[in-house]
Amino acid sequence: MQMGEVILTAERLTQTEAKRVSKDLIGELAPEFTLTDDAGNVFDSKSLNDSWRILFFYAKDGSPTCKRGCLTFKEQHDLFVSAGCKVVGIGEGTSESHAKFKKEIGGLPFPLLADPDRAVADKFLVPVHLGMFPAKSSFLIGPDNRIHHVYDWLFRPRRHVARILKSLSSVTGGSE
């Protein structure tokens, strides 16, 4: 690293910069990672290689918007499956807090992964607004392990999931 070189991290980006940078990830190889899921098992992102998948980052277990987001992914899960796409949620809590949250909302047909130190969120350049509010972002990743679409969902999880399904249908031709 040279003197004066700026290192871009998710915490140092403004909302506008974060959107531009995350959109720049389109076409790039998705970062690989290993995290613990809500059942306490190790989850390796390589297990999703060769399949379509949506990774959605959410801010906090139990918050109204994140709860609605997880439930919307749950409601539309069959459509994702029919398109050959796996769904994985990633949040800053622990695997224990994710398990409790998952139970509170009646279960989910997909794993919630614990990223308490934001190591994976930072790899995907998911920003933290005002230094304290983690953004809610989703990444559609193809069988080629490249990021095909990036979405920021803020306060409209239903519209967000509908947009992802529309994009998924366009890139998969409506089927696997």
N, C-alpha and C. Protein backbone atom coordinates (compact mmCIF):
# COMPACT_ATOMS: atom_id res chain seq x y z
N MET A 1 0.84 -1.18 0.00
CA MET A 1 0.00 0.00 0.00
C MET A 1 0.88 1.24 0.00
N GLN A 2 0.58 2.20 -0.87
CA GLN A 2 1.36 3.42 -0.95
C GLN A 2 0.80 4.46 0.00
N MET A 3 1.64 5.39 0.40
CA MET A 3 1.24 6.45 1.30
C MET A 3 0.08 7.24 0.69
N GLY A 4 -0.97 7.48 1.46
CA GLY A 4 -2.10 8.27 0.98
C GLY A 4 -3.14 7.47 0.23
N GLU A 5 -2.89 6.17 0.01
CA GLU A 5 -3.86 5.33 -0.69
C GLU A 5 -5.10 5.14 0.19
N VAL A 6 -6.25 5.32 -0.39
CA VAL A 6 -7.50 5.19 0.35
C VAL A 6 -8.02 3.76 0.23
N ILE A 7 -8.29 3.15 1.36
CA ILE A 7 -8.85 1.81 1.38
C ILE A 7 -10.36 1.97 1.53
N LEU A 8 -11.11 1.45 0.57
CA LEU A 8 -12.56 1.53 0.64
C LEU A 8 -13.10 0.39 1.49
N THR A 9 -13.79 0.75 2.52
CA THR A 9 -14.49 -0.24 3.33
C THR A 9 -15.95 0.18 3.38
N ALA A 10 -16.82 -0.76 3.68
CA ALA A 10 -18.24 -0.45 3.71
C ALA A 10 -18.56 0.65 4.71
N GLU A 11 -17.81 0.73 5.79
CA GLU A 11 -18.10 1.75 6.81
C GLU A 11 -17.71 3.16 6.37
N ARG A 12 -16.87 3.29 5.36
CA ARG A 12 -16.40 4.60 4.94
C ARG A 12 -17.16 5.15 3.75
N LEU A 13 -18.13 4.43 3.25
CA LEU A 13 -18.85 4.86 2.06
C LEU A 13 -20.13 5.59 2.41
N THR A 14 -20.46 6.62 1.63
CA THR A 14 -21.77 7.24 1.75
C THR A 14 -22.77 6.32 1.06
N GLN A 15 -24.06 6.58 1.25
CA GLN A 15 -25.08 5.73 0.63
C GLN A 15 -24.94 5.75 -0.90
N THR A 16 -24.70 6.90 -1.48
CA THR A 16 -24.55 7.01 -2.94
C THR A 16 -23.31 6.26 -3.41
N GLU A 17 -22.20 6.42 -2.69
CA GLU A 17 -20.97 5.70 -3.04
C GLU A 17 -21.17 4.20 -2.92
N ALA A 18 -21.85 3.79 -1.86
CA ALA A 18 -22.08 2.35 -1.64
C ALA A 18 -22.87 1.75 -2.79
N LYS A 19 -23.90 2.44 -3.25
CA LYS A 19 -24.69 1.92 -4.37
C LYS A 19 -23.82 1.80 -5.61
N ARG A 20 -23.00 2.82 -5.89
CA ARG A 20 -22.14 2.78 -7.07
C ARG A 20 -21.13 1.64 -6.96
N VAL A 21 -20.48 1.51 -5.81
CA VAL A 21 -19.46 0.48 -5.63
C VAL A 21 -20.09 -0.91 -5.69
N SER A 22 -21.23 -1.11 -5.00
CA SER A 22 -21.84 -2.44 -5.02
C SER A 22 -22.29 -2.80 -6.43
N LYS A 23 -22.77 -1.83 -7.20
CA LYS A 23 -23.15 -2.10 -8.59
C LYS A 23 -21.92 -2.47 -9.41
N ASP A 24 -20.76 -1.93 -9.04
CA ASP A 24 -19.52 -2.28 -9.73
C ASP A 24 -19.14 -3.74 -9.52
N LEU A 25 -19.75 -4.41 -8.53
CA LEU A 25 -19.48 -5.82 -8.30
C LEU A 25 -20.15 -6.71 -9.35
N ILE A 26 -21.10 -6.17 -10.09
CA ILE A 26 -21.79 -6.96 -11.10
C ILE A 26 -20.77 -7.45 -12.13
N GLY A 27 -20.79 -8.77 -12.36
CA GLY A 27 -19.85 -9.38 -13.28
C GLY A 27 -18.61 -9.93 -12.59
N GLU A 28 -18.39 -9.53 -11.35
CA GLU A 28 -17.23 -10.01 -10.59
C GLU A 28 -17.54 -11.36 -9.95
N LEU A 29 -16.50 -12.12 -9.65
CA LEU A 29 -16.67 -13.37 -8.91
C LEU A 29 -17.14 -13.04 -7.49
N ALA A 30 -18.10 -13.80 -7.02
CA ALA A 30 -18.61 -13.60 -5.66
C ALA A 30 -17.54 -14.02 -4.66
N PRO A 31 -17.36 -13.23 -3.61
CA PRO A 31 -16.38 -13.63 -2.59
C PRO A 31 -16.78 -14.96 -1.95
N GLU A 32 -15.80 -15.78 -1.65
CA GLU A 32 -16.05 -17.04 -0.94
C GLU A 32 -15.99 -16.76 0.56
N PHE A 33 -16.73 -17.54 1.33
CA PHE A 33 -16.76 -17.34 2.77
C PHE A 33 -17.23 -18.60 3.47
N THR A 34 -16.97 -18.65 4.77
CA THR A 34 -17.46 -19.69 5.64
C THR A 34 -18.03 -19.01 6.88
N LEU A 35 -19.27 -19.33 7.22
CA LEU A 35 -19.95 -18.77 8.39
C LEU A 35 -20.70 -19.89 9.12
N THR A 36 -21.19 -19.58 10.30
CA THR A 36 -22.01 -20.53 11.06
C THR A 36 -23.48 -20.22 10.80
N ASP A 37 -24.28 -21.26 10.58
CA ASP A 37 -25.71 -21.04 10.33
C ASP A 37 -26.50 -21.04 11.63
N ASP A 38 -27.80 -20.84 11.52
CA ASP A 38 -28.68 -20.73 12.68
C ASP A 38 -28.79 -22.04 13.46
N ALA A 39 -28.36 -23.15 12.89
CA ALA A 39 -28.37 -24.44 13.60
C ALA A 39 -27.00 -24.75 14.22
N GLY A 40 -26.04 -23.83 14.06
CA GLY A 40 -24.71 -24.04 14.61
C GLY A 40 -23.77 -24.79 13.70
N ASN A 41 -24.20 -25.06 12.46
CA ASN A 41 -23.37 -25.79 11.49
C ASN A 41 -22.51 -24.81 10.69
N VAL A 42 -21.36 -25.29 10.24
CA VAL A 42 -20.50 -24.49 9.38
C VAL A 42 -21.08 -24.50 7.98
N PHE A 43 -21.22 -23.32 7.40
CA PHE A 43 -21.76 -23.16 6.04
C PHE A 43 -20.65 -22.60 5.17
N ASP A 44 -20.30 -23.33 4.12
CA ASP A 44 -19.26 -22.90 3.19
C ASP A 44 -19.94 -22.46 1.90
N SER A 45 -19.67 -21.23 1.48
CA SER A 45 -20.32 -20.71 0.26
C SER A 45 -20.02 -21.57 -0.96
N LYS A 46 -18.93 -22.32 -0.95
CA LYS A 46 -18.60 -23.20 -2.08
C LYS A 46 -19.66 -24.28 -2.28
N SER A 47 -20.44 -24.56 -1.22
CA SER A 47 -21.51 -25.57 -1.35
C SER A 47 -22.60 -25.11 -2.32
N LEU A 48 -22.60 -23.82 -2.65
CA LEU A 48 -23.60 -23.28 -3.58
C LEU A 48 -23.06 -23.15 -5.00
N ASN A 49 -21.79 -23.50 -5.20
CA ASN A 49 -21.22 -23.40 -6.54
C ASN A 49 -22.08 -24.20 -7.53
N ASP A 50 -22.12 -23.73 -8.74
CA ASP A 50 -22.87 -24.36 -9.82
C ASP A 50 -24.39 -24.21 -9.67
N SER A 51 -24.85 -23.30 -8.83
CA SER A 51 -26.29 -23.06 -8.72
C SER A 51 -26.56 -21.56 -8.63
N TRP A 52 -27.76 -21.18 -9.02
CA TRP A 52 -28.20 -19.81 -8.80
C TRP A 52 -28.46 -19.66 -7.31
N ARG A 53 -28.14 -18.49 -6.77
CA ARG A 53 -28.45 -18.23 -5.36
C ARG A 53 -28.61 -16.74 -5.13
N ILE A 54 -29.42 -16.46 -4.13
CA ILE A 54 -29.58 -15.09 -3.68
C ILE A 54 -29.04 -15.02 -2.26
N LEU A 55 -28.09 -14.15 -2.04
CA LEU A 55 -27.59 -13.87 -0.70
C LEU A 55 -28.20 -12.55 -0.29
N PHE A 56 -28.98 -12.56 0.79
CA PHE A 56 -29.53 -11.28 1.25
C PHE A 56 -28.99 -10.96 2.63
N PHE A 57 -28.51 -9.74 2.75
CA PHE A 57 -27.96 -9.24 4.00
C PHE A 57 -29.05 -8.42 4.68
N TYR A 58 -29.27 -8.70 5.95
CA TYR A 58 -30.27 -7.94 6.69
C TYR A 58 -29.63 -7.40 7.96
N ALA A 59 -30.22 -6.35 8.51
CA ALA A 59 -29.56 -5.61 9.59
C ALA A 59 -29.66 -6.26 10.96
N LYS A 60 -30.86 -6.61 11.40
CA LYS A 60 -31.00 -7.04 12.79
C LYS A 60 -32.15 -8.01 12.96
N ASP A 61 -31.89 -9.09 13.67
CA ASP A 61 -32.94 -10.04 14.00
C ASP A 61 -34.05 -9.31 14.76
N GLY A 62 -35.29 -9.51 14.32
CA GLY A 62 -36.43 -8.95 15.04
C GLY A 62 -36.83 -7.55 14.65
N SER A 63 -36.01 -6.81 13.91
CA SER A 63 -36.43 -5.47 13.51
C SER A 63 -37.59 -5.62 12.52
N PRO A 64 -38.54 -4.69 12.53
CA PRO A 64 -39.73 -4.84 11.67
C PRO A 64 -39.42 -5.02 10.18
N THR A 65 -38.51 -4.22 9.65
CA THR A 65 -38.21 -4.33 8.22
C THR A 65 -37.51 -5.65 7.90
N CYS A 66 -36.59 -6.06 8.74
CA CYS A 66 -35.87 -7.31 8.50
C CYS A 66 -36.79 -8.51 8.67
N LYS A 67 -37.69 -8.43 9.62
CA LYS A 67 -38.67 -9.50 9.81
C LYS A 67 -39.53 -9.62 8.56
N ARG A 68 -40.02 -8.49 8.05
CA ARG A 68 -40.84 -8.50 6.84
C ARG A 68 -40.04 -9.03 5.65
N GLY A 69 -38.77 -8.66 5.57
CA GLY A 69 -37.92 -9.14 4.49
C GLY A 69 -37.76 -10.65 4.52
N CYS A 70 -37.45 -11.19 5.69
CA CYS A 70 -37.29 -12.65 5.82
C CYS A 70 -38.60 -13.37 5.51
N LEU A 71 -39.71 -12.82 5.99
CA LEU A 71 -41.01 -13.45 5.73
C LEU A 71 -41.38 -13.36 4.24
N THR A 72 -40.99 -12.29 3.58
CA THR A 72 -41.28 -12.18 2.15
C THR A 72 -40.47 -13.20 1.36
N PHE A 73 -39.20 -13.38 1.71
CA PHE A 73 -38.41 -14.43 1.07
C PHE A 73 -39.04 -15.80 1.34
N LYS A 74 -39.55 -15.99 2.55
CA LYS A 74 -40.21 -17.26 2.90
C LYS A 74 -41.47 -17.46 2.04
N GLU A 75 -42.29 -16.42 1.91
CA GLU A 75 -43.53 -16.51 1.14
C GLU A 75 -43.27 -16.85 -0.32
N GLN A 76 -42.17 -16.36 -0.86
CA GLN A 76 -41.85 -16.55 -2.28
C GLN A 76 -40.82 -17.66 -2.51
N HIS A 77 -40.49 -18.38 -1.46
CA HIS A 77 -39.42 -19.38 -1.55
C HIS A 77 -39.68 -20.41 -2.64
N ASP A 78 -40.92 -20.88 -2.78
CA ASP A 78 -41.23 -21.88 -3.81
C ASP A 78 -40.91 -21.36 -5.21
N LEU A 79 -41.11 -20.06 -5.44
CA LEU A 79 -40.78 -19.49 -6.75
C LEU A 79 -39.27 -19.48 -6.98
N PHE A 80 -38.52 -19.19 -5.95
CA PHE A 80 -37.05 -19.25 -6.07
C PHE A 80 -36.61 -20.69 -6.38
N VAL A 81 -37.17 -21.64 -5.66
CA VAL A 81 -36.82 -23.05 -5.86
C VAL A 81 -37.18 -23.49 -7.28
N SER A 82 -38.36 -23.09 -7.74
CA SER A 82 -38.79 -23.49 -9.10
C SER A 82 -37.89 -22.90 -10.18
N ALA A 83 -37.22 -21.79 -9.86
CA ALA A 83 -36.28 -21.19 -10.80
C ALA A 83 -34.87 -21.74 -10.60
N GLY A 84 -34.73 -22.71 -9.70
CA GLY A 84 -33.42 -23.31 -9.46
C GLY A 84 -32.50 -22.44 -8.63
N CYS A 85 -33.08 -21.60 -7.77
CA CYS A 85 -32.30 -20.65 -6.99
C CYS A 85 -32.39 -20.96 -5.50
N LYS A 86 -31.25 -20.94 -4.84
CA LYS A 86 -31.20 -21.13 -3.39
C LYS A 86 -31.21 -19.76 -2.72
N VAL A 87 -31.76 -19.70 -1.52
CA VAL A 87 -31.85 -18.45 -0.76
C VAL A 87 -31.06 -18.60 0.53
N VAL A 88 -30.25 -17.60 0.85
CA VAL A 88 -29.47 -17.60 2.08
C VAL A 88 -29.52 -16.18 2.67
N GLY A 89 -29.88 -16.09 3.96
CA GLY A 89 -29.86 -14.82 4.65
C GLY A 89 -28.60 -14.69 5.49
N ILE A 90 -28.06 -13.47 5.57
CA ILE A 90 -26.86 -13.21 6.36
C ILE A 90 -27.11 -11.97 7.22
N GLY A 91 -26.90 -12.12 8.53
CA GLY A 91 -27.10 -11.01 9.45
C GLY A 91 -25.96 -10.91 10.44
N GLU A 92 -25.90 -9.77 11.11
CA GLU A 92 -24.81 -9.51 12.04
C GLU A 92 -24.94 -10.22 13.37
N GLY A 93 -26.05 -10.83 13.67
CA GLY A 93 -26.23 -11.50 14.95
C GLY A 93 -25.41 -12.78 15.05
N THR A 94 -25.66 -13.52 16.10
CA THR A 94 -25.00 -14.81 16.32
C THR A 94 -25.89 -15.92 15.78
N SER A 95 -25.33 -17.12 15.69
CA SER A 95 -26.17 -18.23 15.24
C SER A 95 -27.30 -18.46 16.24
N GLU A 96 -27.07 -18.23 17.51
CA GLU A 96 -28.11 -18.38 18.53
C GLU A 96 -29.22 -17.36 18.36
N SER A 97 -28.84 -16.09 18.11
CA SER A 97 -29.87 -15.06 17.91
C SER A 97 -30.66 -15.31 16.63
N HIS A 98 -29.99 -15.83 15.61
CA HIS A 98 -30.68 -16.17 14.36
C HIS A 98 -31.67 -17.32 14.58
N ALA A 99 -31.25 -18.32 15.37
CA ALA A 99 -32.14 -19.45 15.65
C ALA A 99 -33.38 -18.98 16.40
N LYS A 100 -33.19 -18.12 17.37
CA LYS A 100 -34.32 -17.57 18.14
C LYS A 100 -35.25 -16.76 17.24
N PHE A 101 -34.67 -15.91 16.40
CA PHE A 101 -35.45 -15.09 15.47
C PHE A 101 -36.24 -15.98 14.51
N LYS A 102 -35.57 -16.99 13.97
CA LYS A 102 -36.20 -17.92 13.02
C LYS A 102 -37.40 -18.62 13.67
N LYS A 103 -37.23 -19.03 14.93
CA LYS A 103 -38.32 -19.69 15.66
C LYS A 103 -39.48 -18.71 15.90
N GLU A 104 -39.15 -17.47 16.26
CA GLU A 104 -40.18 -16.46 16.53
C GLU A 104 -41.07 -16.18 15.32
N ILE A 105 -40.50 -16.30 14.13
CA ILE A 105 -41.30 -16.00 12.94
C ILE A 105 -41.84 -17.26 12.26
N GLY A 106 -41.81 -18.37 12.99
CA GLY A 106 -42.42 -19.59 12.48
C GLY A 106 -41.55 -20.41 11.56
N GLY A 107 -40.25 -20.22 11.63
CA GLY A 107 -39.33 -20.99 10.80
C GLY A 107 -39.14 -20.38 9.42
N LEU A 108 -38.05 -20.75 8.80
CA LEU A 108 -37.73 -20.31 7.45
C LEU A 108 -37.18 -21.50 6.68
N PRO A 109 -37.46 -21.60 5.37
CA PRO A 109 -36.98 -22.74 4.59
C PRO A 109 -35.56 -22.55 4.05
N PHE A 110 -34.83 -21.61 4.61
CA PHE A 110 -33.46 -21.32 4.19
C PHE A 110 -32.64 -20.94 5.43
N PRO A 111 -31.32 -21.07 5.33
CA PRO A 111 -30.47 -20.77 6.48
C PRO A 111 -30.28 -19.27 6.69
N LEU A 112 -30.06 -18.92 7.96
CA LEU A 112 -29.61 -17.57 8.32
C LEU A 112 -28.19 -17.74 8.85
N LEU A 113 -27.26 -17.02 8.25
CA LEU A 113 -25.86 -17.15 8.62
C LEU A 113 -25.41 -16.00 9.51
N ALA A 114 -24.58 -16.32 10.49
CA ALA A 114 -24.10 -15.33 11.45
C ALA A 114 -22.81 -14.68 10.94
N ASP A 115 -22.84 -13.35 10.83
CA ASP A 115 -21.70 -12.55 10.39
C ASP A 115 -21.48 -11.43 11.41
N PRO A 116 -21.20 -11.80 12.69
CA PRO A 116 -21.19 -10.80 13.75
C PRO A 116 -20.14 -9.70 13.59
N ASP A 117 -19.04 -10.00 12.93
CA ASP A 117 -18.00 -8.97 12.75
C ASP A 117 -18.05 -8.34 11.35
N ARG A 118 -19.10 -8.65 10.59
CA ARG A 118 -19.31 -8.08 9.24
C ARG A 118 -18.21 -8.45 8.25
N ALA A 119 -17.49 -9.52 8.47
CA ALA A 119 -16.41 -9.89 7.56
C ALA A 119 -16.96 -10.16 6.15
N VAL A 120 -18.07 -10.88 6.07
CA VAL A 120 -18.65 -11.19 4.75
C VAL A 120 -19.37 -9.97 4.19
N ALA A 121 -20.10 -9.25 5.02
CA ALA A 121 -20.77 -8.03 4.56
C ALA A 121 -19.75 -7.06 3.96
N ASP A 122 -18.59 -6.95 4.59
CA ASP A 122 -17.55 -6.07 4.06
C ASP A 122 -17.00 -6.58 2.73
N LYS A 123 -16.88 -7.91 2.57
CA LYS A 123 -16.41 -8.47 1.29
C LYS A 123 -17.37 -8.10 0.16
N PHE A 124 -18.67 -8.02 0.48
CA PHE A 124 -19.67 -7.66 -0.51
C PHE A 124 -19.95 -6.15 -0.53
N LEU A 125 -19.18 -5.40 0.23
CA LEU A 125 -19.29 -3.94 0.32
C LEU A 125 -20.70 -3.48 0.74
N VAL A 126 -21.31 -4.23 1.64
CA VAL A 126 -22.61 -3.83 2.18
C VAL A 126 -22.34 -2.70 3.17
N PRO A 127 -22.88 -1.51 2.92
CA PRO A 127 -22.52 -0.35 3.74
C PRO A 127 -23.20 -0.32 5.11
N VAL A 128 -22.64 0.52 5.96
CA VAL A 128 -23.25 0.88 7.24
C VAL A 128 -23.53 2.37 7.13
N HIS A 129 -24.81 2.74 7.13
CA HIS A 129 -25.18 4.14 6.99
C HIS A 129 -25.03 4.87 8.31
N LEU A 130 -24.46 6.07 8.25
CA LEU A 130 -24.23 6.91 9.42
C LEU A 130 -23.40 6.20 10.48
N GLY A 131 -22.62 5.21 10.04
CA GLY A 131 -21.75 4.51 10.95
C GLY A 131 -22.43 3.55 11.91
N MET A 132 -23.78 3.39 11.80
CA MET A 132 -24.46 2.53 12.76
C MET A 132 -25.62 1.73 12.23
N PHE A 133 -26.07 1.99 11.00
CA PHE A 133 -27.23 1.29 10.45
C PHE A 133 -26.81 0.43 9.27
N PRO A 134 -26.67 -0.88 9.48
CA PRO A 134 -26.27 -1.74 8.36
C PRO A 134 -27.33 -1.72 7.26
N ALA A 135 -26.88 -1.62 6.04
CA ALA A 135 -27.79 -1.64 4.91
C ALA A 135 -28.35 -3.04 4.70
N LYS A 136 -29.43 -3.09 3.96
CA LYS A 136 -30.03 -4.36 3.58
C LYS A 136 -29.82 -4.50 2.08
N SER A 137 -29.01 -5.44 1.68
CA SER A 137 -28.64 -5.62 0.29
C SER A 137 -28.75 -7.09 -0.09
N SER A 138 -29.01 -7.33 -1.37
CA SER A 138 -29.09 -8.70 -1.89
C SER A 138 -28.26 -8.82 -3.15
N PHE A 139 -27.74 -10.04 -3.34
CA PHE A 139 -26.88 -10.32 -4.48
C PHE A 139 -27.36 -11.59 -5.17
N LEU A 140 -27.68 -11.47 -6.46
CA LEU A 140 -28.04 -12.63 -7.26
C LEU A 140 -26.77 -13.15 -7.92
N ILE A 141 -26.41 -14.37 -7.56
CA ILE A 141 -25.15 -14.97 -8.01
C ILE A 141 -25.48 -16.19 -8.86
N GLY A 142 -24.81 -16.29 -9.99
CA GLY A 142 -25.10 -17.37 -10.93
C GLY A 142 -24.25 -18.61 -10.73
N PRO A 143 -24.54 -19.66 -11.49
CA PRO A 143 -23.77 -20.90 -11.44
C PRO A 143 -22.30 -20.68 -11.81
N ASP A 144 -22.03 -19.57 -12.49
CA ASP A 144 -20.66 -19.22 -12.86
C ASP A 144 -19.92 -18.52 -11.71
N ASN A 145 -20.61 -18.41 -10.54
CA ASN A 145 -20.08 -17.75 -9.34
C ASN A 145 -19.85 -16.26 -9.53
N ARG A 146 -20.50 -15.69 -10.53
CA ARG A 146 -20.41 -14.25 -10.75
C ARG A 146 -21.67 -13.56 -10.24
N ILE A 147 -21.49 -12.34 -9.78
CA ILE A 147 -22.62 -11.54 -9.31
C ILE A 147 -23.34 -10.98 -10.53
N HIS A 148 -24.62 -11.30 -10.66
CA HIS A 148 -25.40 -10.86 -11.82
C HIS A 148 -26.25 -9.63 -11.52
N HIS A 149 -26.74 -9.51 -10.31
CA HIS A 149 -27.55 -8.34 -9.93
C HIS A 149 -27.27 -8.01 -8.48
N VAL A 150 -27.38 -6.71 -8.16
CA VAL A 150 -27.22 -6.21 -6.79
C VAL A 150 -28.44 -5.36 -6.48
N TYR A 151 -29.00 -5.54 -5.30
CA TYR A 151 -30.21 -4.82 -4.90
C TYR A 151 -30.04 -4.24 -3.51
N ASP A 152 -30.53 -3.03 -3.31
CA ASP A 152 -30.65 -2.44 -1.98
C ASP A 152 -32.12 -2.36 -1.67
N TRP A 153 -32.52 -2.82 -0.48
CA TRP A 153 -33.95 -2.92 -0.24
C TRP A 153 -34.51 -2.01 0.81
N LEU A 154 -33.75 -1.33 1.56
CA LEU A 154 -34.23 -0.34 2.52
C LEU A 154 -35.54 -0.74 3.18
N PHE A 155 -36.64 -0.07 2.86
CA PHE A 155 -37.90 -0.30 3.58
C PHE A 155 -38.98 -0.95 2.73
N ARG A 156 -38.65 -1.55 1.63
CA ARG A 156 -39.65 -2.15 0.74
C ARG A 156 -39.30 -3.59 0.41
N PRO A 157 -39.36 -4.48 1.39
CA PRO A 157 -38.93 -5.86 1.13
C PRO A 157 -39.80 -6.60 0.10
N ARG A 158 -41.10 -6.34 0.06
CA ARG A 158 -41.94 -7.05 -0.92
C ARG A 158 -41.56 -6.67 -2.34
N ARG A 159 -41.39 -5.38 -2.58
CA ARG A 159 -40.99 -4.92 -3.91
C ARG A 159 -39.60 -5.46 -4.25
N HIS A 160 -38.75 -5.49 -3.26
CA HIS A 160 -37.38 -5.98 -3.43
C HIS A 160 -37.38 -7.43 -3.92
N VAL A 161 -38.12 -8.29 -3.25
CA VAL A 161 -38.18 -9.71 -3.62
C VAL A 161 -38.80 -9.87 -5.01
N ALA A 162 -39.81 -9.08 -5.32
CA ALA A 162 -40.43 -9.14 -6.65
C ALA A 162 -39.42 -8.77 -7.74
N ARG A 163 -38.60 -7.76 -7.49
CA ARG A 163 -37.57 -7.37 -8.46
C ARG A 163 -36.55 -8.49 -8.66
N ILE A 164 -36.16 -9.14 -7.58
CA ILE A 164 -35.20 -10.24 -7.69
C ILE A 164 -35.79 -11.38 -8.52
N LEU A 165 -37.04 -11.73 -8.25
CA LEU A 165 -37.68 -12.81 -9.01
C LEU A 165 -37.79 -12.47 -10.49
N LYS A 166 -38.08 -11.22 -10.79
CA LYS A 166 -38.15 -10.79 -12.19
C LYS A 166 -36.78 -10.92 -12.87
N SER A 167 -35.74 -10.48 -12.19
CA SER A 167 -34.38 -10.59 -12.74
C SER A 167 -33.97 -12.05 -12.88
N LEU A 168 -34.30 -12.85 -11.87
CA LEU A 168 -33.96 -14.27 -11.91
C LEU A 168 -34.63 -14.94 -13.10
N SER A 169 -35.88 -14.62 -13.32
CA SER A 169 -36.60 -15.18 -14.46
C SER A 169 -35.95 -14.79 -15.78
N SER A 170 -35.48 -13.54 -15.87
CA SER A 170 -34.86 -13.09 -17.12
C SER A 170 -33.52 -13.76 -17.38
N VAL A 171 -32.73 -14.02 -16.32
CA VAL A 171 -31.42 -14.63 -16.54
C VAL A 171 -31.48 -16.15 -16.65
N THR A 172 -32.53 -16.76 -16.12
CA THR A 172 -32.64 -18.22 -16.21
C THR A 172 -33.59 -18.64 -17.31
N GLY A 173 -34.20 -17.68 -17.98
CA GLY A 173 -35.17 -18.02 -19.02
C GLY A 173 -36.47 -18.56 -18.45
N GLY A 174 -36.74 -18.23 -17.17
CA GLY A 174 -37.98 -18.67 -16.55
C GLY A 174 -37.91 -20.05 -15.94
N SER A 175 -36.77 -20.71 -16.08
CA SER A 175 -36.60 -22.04 -15.48
C SER A 175 -35.13 -22.23 -15.15
N GLU A 176 -34.82 -23.39 -14.62
CA GLU A 176 -33.45 -23.71 -14.23
C GLU A 176 -32.49 -23.62 -15.38
